[in-house]
Structure formats: C-alpha cells, structure tokens
Protein backbone atom coordinates (compact mmCIF):
# COMPACT_ATOMS: atom_id res chain seq x y z
CA MET A 1 0.00 0.00 0.00
CA PRO A 2 1.48 3.40 -0.96
CA ASP A 3 2.42 5.89 1.75
CA VAL A 4 1.65 9.60 2.04
CA HIS A 5 3.79 11.50 4.55
CA LEU A 6 2.58 14.57 6.43
CA LYS A 7 4.41 17.73 7.40
CA PRO A 8 5.13 18.23 11.12
CA GLY A 9 2.05 19.28 13.09
CA ARG A 10 -0.39 18.52 10.28
CA GLU A 11 -1.70 15.31 11.78
CA LYS A 12 -3.68 17.04 14.54
CA SER A 13 -7.00 17.26 12.69
CA ILE A 14 -6.68 13.65 11.51
CA LEU A 15 -6.10 12.42 15.05
CA ARG A 16 -9.31 14.27 15.97
CA TYR A 17 -11.13 12.25 13.28
CA HIS A 18 -11.52 14.91 10.63
CA PRO A 19 -11.74 12.89 7.37
CA TRP A 20 -9.91 15.23 4.98
CA VAL A 21 -6.21 15.68 4.27
CA PHE A 22 -5.44 18.81 2.25
CA SER A 23 -2.62 19.01 -0.26
CA GLY A 24 -0.76 21.61 1.84
CA ALA A 25 -0.45 19.14 4.72
CA ILE A 26 1.55 16.65 2.66
CA SER A 27 5.33 16.49 2.80
CA HIS A 28 5.89 13.81 0.17
CA THR A 29 4.32 10.67 -1.27
CA ASP A 30 5.34 7.42 -2.82
CA GLU A 31 5.61 7.55 -6.59
CA ASP A 32 2.95 6.44 -9.07
CA ILE A 33 -0.08 6.45 -6.75
CA GLU A 34 -3.15 5.78 -8.86
CA PRO A 35 -6.22 8.02 -8.60
CA GLY A 36 -8.54 6.63 -5.93
CA GLU A 37 -5.95 4.17 -4.64
CA THR A 38 -5.95 3.46 -0.91
CA VAL A 39 -2.92 4.92 0.87
CA ASP A 40 -1.51 4.83 4.39
CA ILE A 41 -1.22 8.26 5.99
CA ILE A 42 2.10 8.63 7.80
CA SER A 43 2.67 11.24 10.52
CA SER A 44 5.84 13.30 10.65
CA LYS A 45 7.02 10.87 13.35
CA GLY A 46 6.70 7.96 10.93
CA GLU A 47 3.52 6.45 12.42
CA VAL A 48 0.61 5.17 10.33
CA ILE A 49 -2.40 7.08 11.64
CA ALA A 50 -5.17 6.45 9.08
CA ARG A 51 -6.00 5.02 5.68
CA GLY A 52 -7.71 6.86 2.83
CA ALA A 53 -8.39 7.35 -0.88
CA TYR A 54 -5.94 9.47 -2.89
CA SER A 55 -7.17 12.21 -5.24
CA PRO A 56 -4.24 13.69 -7.21
CA ASN A 57 -6.11 16.70 -8.63
CA SER A 58 -8.11 17.87 -5.64
CA GLN A 59 -7.07 20.24 -2.86
CA ILE A 60 -8.60 17.59 -0.61
CA ARG A 61 -5.86 15.16 -1.48
CA ILE A 62 -7.00 12.26 0.74
CA ARG A 63 -10.41 11.32 2.11
CA ILE A 64 -10.10 8.93 5.00
CA TRP A 65 -11.74 5.52 4.89
CA THR A 66 -10.72 4.36 8.35
CA TRP A 67 -8.63 5.09 11.42
CA ASP A 68 -8.68 1.41 12.38
CA LEU A 69 -5.45 0.04 10.95
CA SER A 70 -6.70 -3.52 11.27
CA GLU A 71 -9.27 -2.75 8.56
CA HIS A 72 -8.44 -3.23 4.91
CA VAL A 73 -10.42 -1.41 2.24
CA ASP A 74 -11.91 -4.24 0.22
CA GLU A 75 -15.30 -5.63 -0.77
CA SER A 76 -16.05 -6.83 2.75
CA PHE A 77 -15.18 -3.38 4.13
CA ILE A 78 -17.59 -1.69 1.70
CA ARG A 79 -20.44 -4.11 2.45
CA ASN A 80 -20.03 -3.66 6.20
CA ARG A 81 -20.11 0.13 5.84
CA ILE A 82 -23.34 -0.03 3.83
CA ARG A 83 -24.95 -2.44 6.31
CA ARG A 84 -24.04 -0.08 9.13
CA ALA A 85 -25.45 2.95 7.28
CA LEU A 86 -28.69 1.12 6.54
CA ALA A 87 -29.04 -0.02 10.17
CA PHE A 88 -28.68 3.59 11.33
CA ARG A 89 -31.60 4.67 9.11
CA GLU A 90 -33.74 1.74 10.23
CA GLN A 91 -33.10 2.76 13.82
CA HIS A 92 -33.81 6.48 13.46
CA LEU A 93 -36.44 6.75 10.70
CA ASP A 94 -40.10 5.77 10.80
CA LEU A 95 -40.15 3.77 7.59
CA ASN A 96 -43.91 3.34 7.88
CA GLN A 97 -44.26 7.07 7.16
CA ILE A 98 -41.70 7.50 4.38
CA SER A 99 -40.55 5.52 1.36
CA ALA A 100 -37.66 7.78 0.29
CA TYR A 101 -34.56 8.57 2.30
CA ARG A 102 -30.78 8.82 2.14
CA VAL A 103 -29.13 5.48 2.83
CA VAL A 104 -25.49 6.61 2.52
CA TYR A 105 -24.23 10.13 3.16
CA GLY A 106 -20.53 10.19 2.30
CA GLU A 107 -18.17 11.03 5.15
CA ALA A 108 -20.95 10.78 7.75
CA ASP A 109 -21.15 7.06 6.96
CA ASP A 110 -17.40 6.61 6.47
CA LEU A 111 -17.87 6.19 2.72
CA PRO A 112 -16.46 9.52 1.51
CA GLY A 113 -17.60 10.71 -1.89
CA PHE A 114 -20.54 8.31 -2.12
CA ILE A 115 -24.23 9.17 -1.79
CA ALA A 116 -27.13 6.76 -2.17
CA ASP A 117 -30.77 7.85 -1.97
CA LEU A 118 -33.59 5.31 -2.00
CA TYR A 119 -36.82 6.26 -3.77
CA GLU A 120 -39.26 3.42 -3.02
CA ASP A 121 -37.65 0.77 -5.28
CA ILE A 122 -34.96 2.84 -7.03
CA PHE A 123 -31.52 3.81 -5.79
CA VAL A 124 -30.08 7.08 -7.06
CA VAL A 125 -26.33 7.24 -6.47
CA GLN A 126 -23.56 9.80 -6.79
CA CYS A 127 -19.81 9.21 -6.85
CA THR A 128 -18.10 12.56 -6.35
CA THR A 129 -14.50 11.52 -5.66
CA TYR A 130 -11.84 9.28 -7.15
CA GLY A 131 -12.06 6.94 -4.17
CA ALA A 132 -15.79 6.39 -4.62
CA GLU A 133 -15.32 6.10 -8.38
CA ARG A 134 -12.69 3.39 -7.95
CA TRP A 135 -15.07 1.35 -5.78
CA ARG A 136 -18.27 2.24 -7.67
CA ASP A 137 -19.12 -1.27 -8.88
CA VAL A 138 -18.59 -2.78 -5.44
CA LEU A 139 -20.62 -0.02 -3.78
CA ILE A 140 -23.55 -0.54 -6.14
CA ASP A 141 -23.38 -4.33 -6.07
CA SER A 142 -23.37 -4.18 -2.27
CA LEU A 143 -26.43 -1.91 -2.20
CA VAL A 144 -28.33 -4.29 -4.48
CA GLU A 145 -27.21 -7.39 -2.60
CA ILE A 146 -28.03 -6.06 0.88
CA THR A 147 -31.36 -4.35 0.11
CA GLY A 148 -32.69 -6.40 -2.81
CA VAL A 149 -33.39 -3.15 -4.72
CA LYS A 150 -32.25 -3.87 -8.27
CA ASN A 151 -32.96 -0.50 -9.97
CA VAL A 152 -30.02 1.91 -9.77
CA VAL A 153 -29.65 5.30 -11.44
CA ASP A 154 -26.33 7.17 -11.55
CA ARG A 155 -26.64 10.93 -11.00
CA SER A 156 -22.94 11.77 -10.86
CA ASP A 157 -23.72 14.86 -12.93
CA VAL A 158 -22.44 17.32 -10.33
CA ASP A 159 -19.86 20.10 -10.62
CA VAL A 160 -17.77 18.82 -7.73
CA ARG A 161 -16.54 15.93 -9.90
CA GLU A 162 -14.70 18.44 -12.06
CA LEU A 163 -12.61 19.47 -9.04
CA GLU A 164 -11.48 15.85 -8.90
CA GLY A 165 -10.73 15.75 -12.61
CA LEU A 166 -13.67 13.42 -13.24
CA PRO A 167 -16.23 13.89 -16.02
CA GLN A 168 -19.90 14.24 -15.15
CA ARG A 169 -22.00 11.13 -15.75
CA SER A 170 -25.63 10.06 -15.44
CA GLY A 171 -27.93 7.27 -16.57
CA LEU A 172 -29.42 3.93 -15.66
CA LEU A 173 -26.91 1.44 -14.23
CA THR A 174 -29.01 -1.61 -13.41
CA GLY A 175 -32.64 -2.69 -13.57
CA GLU A 176 -35.46 -0.71 -15.17
CA VAL A 177 -36.59 2.89 -14.58
CA SER A 178 -39.27 4.62 -16.62
CA SER A 179 -39.02 8.27 -17.65
CA SER A 180 -42.30 9.09 -15.86
CA LEU A 181 -42.50 10.49 -12.37
CA HIS A 182 -41.76 7.96 -9.63
CA LEU A 183 -44.14 8.10 -6.65
CA ILE A 184 -42.85 8.27 -3.08
CA LYS A 185 -44.59 8.56 0.29
CA GLU A 186 -43.74 11.19 2.90
CA ASN A 187 -45.75 11.75 6.07
CA ASN A 188 -49.14 10.83 4.55
CA LEU A 189 -48.42 12.78 1.35
CA THR A 190 -47.42 11.51 -2.09
CA PHE A 191 -44.87 13.13 -4.37
CA GLY A 192 -43.84 12.45 -7.94
CA VAL A 193 -40.06 12.45 -8.39
CA ASP A 194 -37.98 12.66 -11.56
CA VAL A 195 -35.03 10.48 -10.58
CA LEU A 196 -33.43 10.69 -14.03
CA SER A 197 -33.09 14.45 -14.41
CA GLY A 198 -34.57 16.21 -11.36
CA GLN A 199 -32.51 18.51 -9.13
CA LYS A 200 -30.04 16.84 -6.76
CA THR A 201 -31.04 13.18 -6.87
CA GLY A 202 -34.65 14.05 -7.72
CA PHE A 203 -36.10 15.46 -4.49
CA TYR A 204 -34.96 17.46 -1.46
CA LEU A 205 -35.03 14.63 1.06
CA ASP A 206 -33.03 16.72 3.53
CA GLN A 207 -36.03 19.05 4.06
CA ARG A 208 -38.44 16.26 5.07
CA ASP A 209 -38.66 17.14 8.77
CA ASN A 210 -38.82 20.86 8.04
CA ARG A 211 -41.71 20.36 5.62
CA LEU A 212 -43.63 18.57 8.36
CA TRP A 213 -42.81 21.30 10.88
CA ILE A 214 -44.04 24.07 8.57
CA ARG A 215 -47.13 22.04 7.71
CA ASN A 216 -48.09 22.09 11.40
CA ILE A 217 -48.09 25.93 11.57
CA ALA A 218 -49.72 26.64 8.20
CA LYS A 219 -53.40 26.63 9.19
CA ASP A 220 -55.39 29.66 7.99
CA LYS A 221 -52.27 31.53 6.81
CA ASP A 222 -51.62 33.42 3.59
CA VAL A 223 -48.29 31.99 2.44
CA LEU A 224 -45.61 32.81 -0.12
CA ASP A 225 -43.38 29.85 -1.04
CA CYS A 226 -40.27 30.86 -2.98
CA PHE A 227 -38.12 28.47 -5.04
CA THR A 228 -40.85 25.88 -4.68
CA TYR A 229 -39.22 23.37 -7.10
CA THR A 230 -41.81 20.57 -7.39
CA GLY A 231 -43.94 21.83 -4.51
CA GLY A 232 -42.48 20.06 -1.48
CA PHE A 233 -43.24 22.91 0.89
CA THR A 234 -46.37 24.08 -0.98
CA ILE A 235 -48.06 20.67 -0.85
CA SER A 236 -47.21 20.41 2.85
CA LEU A 237 -48.60 23.91 3.46
CA LEU A 238 -51.84 23.10 1.67
CA ALA A 239 -52.14 19.84 3.60
CA GLY A 240 -51.67 21.86 6.79
CA GLY A 241 -54.66 24.05 6.00
CA ALA A 242 -53.02 27.19 4.58
CA LYS A 243 -55.66 29.66 3.45
CA SER A 244 -53.70 30.53 0.31
CA VAL A 245 -50.28 29.78 -1.16
CA ILE A 246 -48.44 31.61 -3.92
CA ALA A 247 -45.67 29.28 -5.10
CA VAL A 248 -42.86 30.69 -7.24
CA ASP A 249 -40.20 28.91 -9.28
CA SER A 250 -38.18 29.81 -12.36
CA SER A 251 -39.03 26.51 -14.11
CA LYS A 252 -42.43 25.88 -15.70
CA GLU A 253 -41.62 22.16 -15.79
CA ASN A 254 -41.06 22.15 -12.03
CA LEU A 255 -44.41 23.84 -11.50
CA GLU A 256 -46.15 21.32 -13.74
CA THR A 257 -44.80 18.59 -11.48
CA ALA A 258 -45.89 20.59 -8.44
CA GLU A 259 -49.43 20.82 -9.86
CA TYR A 260 -49.34 17.07 -10.48
CA ASN A 261 -48.38 16.60 -6.82
CA ARG A 262 -51.31 18.80 -5.77
CA LYS A 263 -53.72 16.69 -7.79
CA ILE A 264 -52.53 13.28 -6.54
CA ASN A 265 -52.88 14.55 -2.96
CA GLN A 266 -56.40 15.81 -3.75
CA LEU A 267 -55.73 19.31 -2.43
CA PRO A 268 -57.99 22.18 -3.54
CA PRO A 269 -56.76 24.14 -6.58
CA SER A 270 -58.45 27.33 -5.39
CA ARG A 271 -55.92 27.76 -2.56
CA VAL A 272 -52.75 27.77 -4.67
CA GLU A 273 -51.34 29.99 -7.41
CA TRP A 274 -48.31 28.79 -9.38
CA VAL A 275 -46.01 31.55 -10.65
CA ALA A 276 -43.18 30.88 -13.13
CA GLY A 277 -40.51 33.55 -13.03
CA ASP A 278 -37.45 35.05 -11.40
CA VAL A 279 -38.02 34.99 -7.62
CA PHE A 280 -36.08 38.20 -6.91
CA LYS A 281 -38.07 40.12 -9.52
CA PHE A 282 -41.36 38.67 -8.29
CA LEU A 283 -40.60 39.65 -4.71
CA ARG A 284 -39.94 43.22 -5.81
CA TYR A 285 -43.21 43.16 -7.78
CA LEU A 286 -45.10 42.06 -4.66
CA ARG A 287 -43.35 44.71 -2.58
CA ASP A 288 -44.29 47.45 -5.03
CA LYS A 289 -47.91 46.22 -4.98
CA GLY A 290 -47.99 46.41 -1.19
CA GLU A 291 -48.80 42.69 -0.77
CA LYS A 292 -48.48 41.15 2.70
CA PHE A 293 -48.28 37.56 3.96
CA ASP A 294 -48.56 35.66 7.23
CA LEU A 295 -45.80 33.19 6.36
CA ILE A 296 -43.00 33.23 3.78
CA VAL A 297 -40.75 30.29 2.94
CA LEU A 298 -37.39 31.06 1.31
CA ASP A 299 -35.59 27.89 0.20
CA PRO A 300 -33.19 29.04 -2.53
CA PRO A 301 -30.67 26.89 -4.40
CA LYS A 302 -27.04 26.79 -3.38
CA PHE A 303 -25.67 30.35 -3.70
CA ALA A 304 -22.17 29.45 -2.44
CA PRO A 305 -20.93 26.05 -3.66
CA SER A 306 -17.47 26.82 -2.21
CA ALA A 307 -15.70 29.33 0.03
CA LYS A 308 -14.70 31.59 -2.88
CA HIS A 309 -18.39 32.29 -3.61
CA VAL A 310 -19.30 33.33 -0.05
CA SER A 311 -19.12 37.09 -0.56
CA LYS A 312 -21.41 37.09 -3.60
CA ALA A 313 -23.72 34.57 -1.95
CA ALA A 314 -24.01 36.70 1.18
CA ARG A 315 -25.36 39.58 -0.92
CA GLY A 316 -27.92 37.27 -2.52
CA TYR A 317 -29.09 35.91 0.83
CA LYS A 318 -29.33 39.42 2.27
CA ASP A 319 -31.35 40.72 -0.70
CA ILE A 320 -33.86 37.90 -0.65
CA ASN A 321 -34.36 38.02 3.12
CA LEU A 322 -34.71 41.80 3.05
CA LEU A 323 -37.46 41.51 0.45
CA GLY A 324 -39.14 38.69 2.36
CA LEU A 325 -39.17 40.59 5.65
CA LYS A 326 -40.76 43.62 3.98
CA LEU A 327 -43.62 41.45 2.73
CA LEU A 328 -44.65 40.14 6.15
CA ARG A 329 -47.55 41.39 8.22
CA GLN A 330 -46.89 42.37 11.84
CA GLY A 331 -46.43 39.10 13.69
CA GLY A 332 -45.73 37.28 10.42
CA LEU A 333 -43.29 34.39 10.10
CA LEU A 334 -40.25 34.01 7.85
CA CYS A 335 -38.88 30.51 7.33
CA THR A 336 -35.54 31.05 5.60
CA PHE A 337 -32.93 28.50 4.53
CA SER A 338 -29.43 28.23 3.13
CA CYS A 339 -28.05 25.00 1.68
CA SER A 340 -24.64 26.54 0.90
CA GLY A 341 -21.88 24.66 2.64
CA GLY A 342 -19.71 27.78 2.59
CA ILE A 343 -22.25 29.70 4.68
CA GLY A 344 -22.21 28.55 8.31
CA TYR A 345 -25.00 29.09 10.84
CA GLU A 346 -23.28 32.06 12.48
CA LEU A 347 -22.73 33.85 9.18
CA PHE A 348 -26.23 33.04 7.96
CA GLN A 349 -27.79 34.49 11.09
CA LYS A 350 -25.60 37.57 10.75
CA ILE A 351 -26.73 38.03 7.12
CA VAL A 352 -30.40 37.72 8.05
CA ALA A 353 -29.91 40.11 10.99
CA GLY A 354 -28.47 42.65 8.57
CA ALA A 355 -31.48 42.18 6.31
CA ALA A 356 -33.83 42.76 9.24
CA PHE A 357 -32.00 45.96 10.19
CA ASP A 358 -32.23 47.29 6.62
CA ALA A 359 -35.92 46.31 6.51
CA GLY A 360 -36.51 48.33 9.67
CA VAL A 361 -38.06 45.42 11.58
CA ARG A 362 -37.31 43.63 14.82
CA VAL A 363 -37.48 39.84 14.73
CA LYS A 364 -37.37 36.93 17.14
CA ILE A 365 -35.86 33.53 16.41
CA LEU A 366 -38.54 30.92 17.08
CA ASN A 367 -36.70 27.87 15.78
CA ARG A 368 -33.60 26.66 13.98
CA PHE A 369 -33.66 24.02 11.25
CA SER A 370 -31.13 21.57 9.86
CA GLN A 371 -31.12 18.56 7.57
CA ALA A 372 -33.05 15.38 8.35
CA VAL A 373 -31.50 12.61 10.44
CA ASP A 374 -30.72 10.48 7.38
CA HIS A 375 -28.21 13.25 6.51
CA PRO A 376 -26.29 12.95 9.81
CA VAL A 377 -23.48 15.28 10.87
CA ARG A 378 -20.39 13.97 12.60
CA LEU A 379 -19.20 16.16 15.47
CA ASN A 380 -15.66 16.33 14.07
CA PHE A 381 -16.83 17.02 10.52
CA PRO A 382 -18.96 20.20 10.65
CA GLU A 383 -18.65 20.50 6.86
CA GLY A 384 -21.28 17.78 6.68
CA GLU A 385 -23.92 20.22 7.96
CA TYR A 386 -24.78 22.26 4.89
CA LEU A 387 -28.51 22.95 5.42
CA LYS A 388 -29.43 25.57 7.96
CA GLY A 389 -32.65 27.45 8.53
CA LEU A 390 -34.30 29.99 10.81
CA LEU A 391 -37.93 30.55 11.72
CA LEU A 392 -38.35 34.23 12.52
CA GLN A 393 -41.27 36.32 13.72
CA VAL A 394 -41.61 40.00 12.95
CA GLY A 395 -42.50 42.21 15.89
C-alpha cells in the first residue's frame, strides 16, 4: 500500500477524526499512486495514523476511509459500511411514514464521496471523488445485494466531480426505470419524483422534517413559497390548512410537477397559485404592490458552492431576506434556509440580521432548522452540515 507522509504538526485534525487531508499538509508521497488508490497516511514521526483514498487533482488530497489500521479497504469493508449505514436509518427513521430517504451520506457514513438515496424501489447514487469512483461497482453491487433493490440510477452529474478531474455522468446502471415520475410517500403525502433528471437526486429529502414542521403551523395563513421546485413545501402547506399559497419557481416544468403533486394529494386548486418567473423580480413586484403575507418560505438553491463564492452569496441571501421581511404582516413568520456549505450558521444568522436591520423590523428567532437525520453530521466534521434554517417572527 502506498504511503503519504505529512508535514510536522499537520496530523492534529486527523487524530481528531476529521476525514480530509489537504494538499498543503503533505510532505511527500510514494511515486505512481493511482487516482482513488488506498494509501496509508504517515505522521511526521513515521507512524501510520489512518488510511484513505488518494485524489491527485483535488485540494482535498485524501479522504479517510478508516482510522482502524486492522481494517483493509476491500469488498467486505464496503459491504459492512453499507450495512451499518442502513441499520442507522432503520433505527432512526419511521419507515412506515416514508418511502424515500438517504441510505449513505458520504463522510458521515465513512464512505467519503458516495451518496445513495432510496426512492421506493430505485436507488439514485452519486460518486463525487476518485475513491468512490474506484469502488463504484462494489458499492452498487453491495447496495443491491443487501437491500434487494435492483434498480439503480447514476446521478454523478455534479460540478464537484470536475474538481477531482472526473467527467460528469448520469444514466441507468441496473434494472429498469421509466421516464415518468416515480411516486414516493412522505408523512401521509405523495410526491412524484424525476429520478433521471430532477434537481439533486430528484427530491430534497433533507427538508423532510422541516416540511412537516411548517405544515403544522400553516393553518389559515396566507403563504408565499419561494423556489418551490416541485412543490415540497407548498403541498405540505396546503395539507396543513393554509388559506392561500403563492408558489414561485423559475421553471415551468417544475411547476407542472408541483401541480401534479397537488392533484394526486387531492388538495384544492383554489388555494394555490403557481407563478413561473425570477423569484427576486417577483418579490420586488409584490413589494411594489404592497402585498403582505402571514408566512413566507425562502428555500433558494445553493448560492455558495465553495468558500470563494461566499461574498457574492451573502449579498444574494441578504437581498432575498430583506425583500421577504418587507412582505410580512406584523407578527408574520419568515422561514428562511441556506443549503450553501460555505455559509455557516453564524454567518447566515448575521446576514439575516443585517437584512432585518435594513428592513426596519425587529425579529425573534422561534426555531432553527437543519437537515433530516438520514443526513447525519459527525461532530468532528462540521462541513457535513450544509442545510441551515431559521424561523423568525416580525415584531
């Protein structure tokens, strides 16, 4: 097994179980290490301290598989990791209430670079690193063998692969998947999901708990749902008894799916208005009209995919929250989210506080939101917590 040697003092984070080794921490390596190959990580004192997958083109040069030096990264290792990840979900999720959830979440499940989402009887997978790519066939075969789910779709069509030097890729890997919407169950609601070309792996599974929470406070409220995608929050709001919902998204196709989801849940069409257009422009239009709402949901796409985008993203988050706060009635609620990994909770709250100051309103924090339990966060890997949200009340 090839060795990678660290500079003095650079082993501290690894010994604290952080799973990434950056290129600047490396003193020297053995020659001719193949992309994705498993390497031993050697401290400056010459001790083997962990074992990980090597990525020659990424700033994150090694992603750690294990700190247990008795473990060897092989087929048995992969199968055991997947069994452990599945057991965690079976322990912490009510699988009588949902039929779609994340089975493997990369570093949180000690399978860095690999994501597997289950949609009823279809797995949608992503390999985002050389290590996961090297073990892709074993990972997928293990999923099929352990769960009995034979339909697998590859959605490795994400920008992060380019940082690794990997091409984007998508398509059916095993089994059969139709091009029509695939139905899933979530907390007594049904949603149609496009697993072949929908955003992320088809649906925002990480917002499941937050959708249920918002559903429980929606009764008799006039609501504005921004970046609705295929109506996850809107359908939940309608099911919770919202008096009216205006749902905005830039994609007409997304809204057609959202309307389909309304129909299959037999929710009244008179209480929802679908609006296709730029959310920022529509918010300004509503502001100029003097419209007011009891509850606004802001769930925008990722504004800051990496640290270099944080400054620009912060302006976007401030603008949208400023507009949202101006559209609330006294006592109204703003449910605002960021899924940008580069924007931490502290910075996000600071941005929203700045928006509230510019809007001339005082707000209280009623609740904080994060991703669902099937997207767990390891204490020593805070980078795994990308979704953060605040429930605010004006007044």
